[in-house]
Amino acid sequence: MKLWQDLFGTDYGLMSIAGIAFMILMAFWYVRFFIRKMNQKPGTE
């Protein structure tokens, strides 16, 4: 239970959650971006 208290109750725990969430969202965005670019025909933007 100390783990959850530290994770959600301290400033460094909340920043860790925010950092992890940001990295996961960026990963999904990059995957979608690259898949969309790979499926485009050459010469189009």
N, C-alpha and C. Protein backbone atom coordinates (compact mmCIF):
# COMPACT_ATOMS: atom_id res chain seq x y z
N MET A 1 0.81 -1.19 0.00
CA MET A 1 0.00 0.00 0.00
C MET A 1 0.85 1.26 0.00
N LYS A 2 2.06 1.19 0.52
CA LYS A 2 2.95 2.35 0.52
C LYS A 2 3.27 2.78 -0.91
N LEU A 3 3.37 1.82 -1.80
CA LEU A 3 3.65 2.13 -3.20
C LEU A 3 2.57 3.02 -3.79
N TRP A 4 1.31 2.67 -3.58
CA TRP A 4 0.21 3.46 -4.14
C TRP A 4 0.12 4.82 -3.49
N GLN A 5 0.41 4.89 -2.20
CA GLN A 5 0.41 6.19 -1.52
C GLN A 5 1.50 7.09 -2.07
N ASP A 6 2.68 6.53 -2.31
CA ASP A 6 3.77 7.33 -2.89
C ASP A 6 3.46 7.72 -4.32
N LEU A 7 2.87 6.81 -5.08
CA LEU A 7 2.61 7.08 -6.49
C LEU A 7 1.56 8.17 -6.67
N PHE A 8 0.48 8.11 -5.92
CA PHE A 8 -0.61 9.06 -6.11
C PHE A 8 -0.61 10.21 -5.10
N GLY A 9 0.22 10.13 -4.08
CA GLY A 9 0.17 11.13 -3.03
C GLY A 9 1.35 12.07 -2.95
N THR A 10 2.35 11.85 -3.79
CA THR A 10 3.52 12.73 -3.75
C THR A 10 3.71 13.41 -5.09
N ASP A 11 4.47 14.50 -5.06
CA ASP A 11 4.69 15.24 -6.30
C ASP A 11 5.53 14.43 -7.29
N TYR A 12 6.53 13.71 -6.82
CA TYR A 12 7.35 12.92 -7.74
C TYR A 12 6.57 11.73 -8.29
N GLY A 13 5.63 11.20 -7.53
CA GLY A 13 4.80 10.11 -8.03
C GLY A 13 3.86 10.58 -9.12
N LEU A 14 3.25 11.75 -8.91
CA LEU A 14 2.34 12.29 -9.93
C LEU A 14 3.10 12.69 -11.19
N MET A 15 4.31 13.21 -11.04
CA MET A 15 5.11 13.54 -12.22
C MET A 15 5.52 12.27 -12.97
N SER A 16 5.75 11.19 -12.25
CA SER A 16 6.06 9.91 -12.90
C SER A 16 4.87 9.43 -13.72
N ILE A 17 3.68 9.52 -13.16
CA ILE A 17 2.47 9.12 -13.89
C ILE A 17 2.30 9.99 -15.13
N ALA A 18 2.49 11.30 -14.96
CA ALA A 18 2.34 12.22 -16.09
C ALA A 18 3.38 11.91 -17.18
N GLY A 19 4.61 11.63 -16.79
CA GLY A 19 5.66 11.31 -17.77
C GLY A 19 5.37 10.03 -18.52
N ILE A 20 4.93 9.01 -17.80
CA ILE A 20 4.61 7.73 -18.43
C ILE A 20 3.44 7.89 -19.38
N ALA A 21 2.39 8.61 -18.95
CA ALA A 21 1.23 8.83 -19.81
C ALA A 21 1.62 9.61 -21.06
N PHE A 22 2.47 10.62 -20.91
CA PHE A 22 2.91 11.41 -22.05
C PHE A 22 3.68 10.54 -23.05
N MET A 23 4.56 9.69 -22.56
CA MET A 23 5.34 8.82 -23.45
C MET A 23 4.45 7.82 -24.18
N ILE A 24 3.45 7.28 -23.50
CA ILE A 24 2.53 6.33 -24.14
C ILE A 24 1.71 7.02 -25.22
N LEU A 25 1.21 8.22 -24.92
CA LEU A 25 0.44 8.96 -25.92
C LEU A 25 1.31 9.35 -27.12
N MET A 26 2.55 9.75 -26.87
CA MET A 26 3.45 10.06 -27.98
C MET A 26 3.73 8.83 -28.84
N ALA A 27 3.88 7.68 -28.20
CA ALA A 27 4.13 6.44 -28.94
C ALA A 27 2.96 6.12 -29.87
N PHE A 28 1.73 6.24 -29.37
CA PHE A 28 0.56 5.99 -30.22
C PHE A 28 0.51 6.99 -31.37
N TRP A 29 0.81 8.26 -31.08
CA TRP A 29 0.77 9.28 -32.13
C TRP A 29 1.81 8.97 -33.21
N TYR A 30 3.04 8.60 -32.82
CA TYR A 30 4.08 8.30 -33.81
C TYR A 30 3.73 7.07 -34.63
N VAL A 31 3.16 6.04 -34.00
CA VAL A 31 2.78 4.84 -34.75
C VAL A 31 1.75 5.21 -35.82
N ARG A 32 0.71 5.97 -35.43
CA ARG A 32 -0.30 6.39 -36.40
C ARG A 32 0.31 7.24 -37.50
N PHE A 33 1.20 8.17 -37.13
CA PHE A 33 1.83 9.07 -38.09
C PHE A 33 2.65 8.29 -39.12
N PHE A 34 3.49 7.36 -38.64
CA PHE A 34 4.35 6.61 -39.56
C PHE A 34 3.55 5.65 -40.42
N ILE A 35 2.52 5.02 -39.87
CA ILE A 35 1.69 4.13 -40.69
C ILE A 35 0.98 4.92 -41.78
N ARG A 36 0.47 6.11 -41.42
CA ARG A 36 -0.19 6.94 -42.42
C ARG A 36 0.79 7.37 -43.51
N LYS A 37 2.01 7.73 -43.12
CA LYS A 37 3.02 8.14 -44.11
C LYS A 37 3.45 6.97 -44.99
N MET A 38 3.55 5.78 -44.42
CA MET A 38 3.97 4.62 -45.22
C MET A 38 2.91 4.24 -46.24
N ASN A 39 1.65 4.49 -45.95
CA ASN A 39 0.57 4.12 -46.86
C ASN A 39 0.30 5.15 -47.94
N GLN A 40 0.93 6.32 -47.85
CA GLN A 40 0.73 7.34 -48.88
C GLN A 40 1.54 7.00 -50.12
N LYS A 41 1.04 7.48 -51.26
CA LYS A 41 1.80 7.31 -52.49
C LYS A 41 2.97 8.28 -52.50
N PRO A 42 4.08 7.94 -53.14
CA PRO A 42 5.23 8.83 -53.18
C PRO A 42 4.88 10.15 -53.87
N GLY A 43 5.43 11.22 -53.33
CA GLY A 43 5.24 12.54 -53.93
C GLY A 43 4.05 13.30 -53.39
N THR A 44 3.23 12.68 -52.54
CA THR A 44 2.10 13.40 -51.95
C THR A 44 2.41 13.70 -50.49
N GLU A 45 1.83 14.80 -50.01
CA GLU A 45 2.06 15.14 -48.60
C GLU A 45 0.83 15.13 -47.82
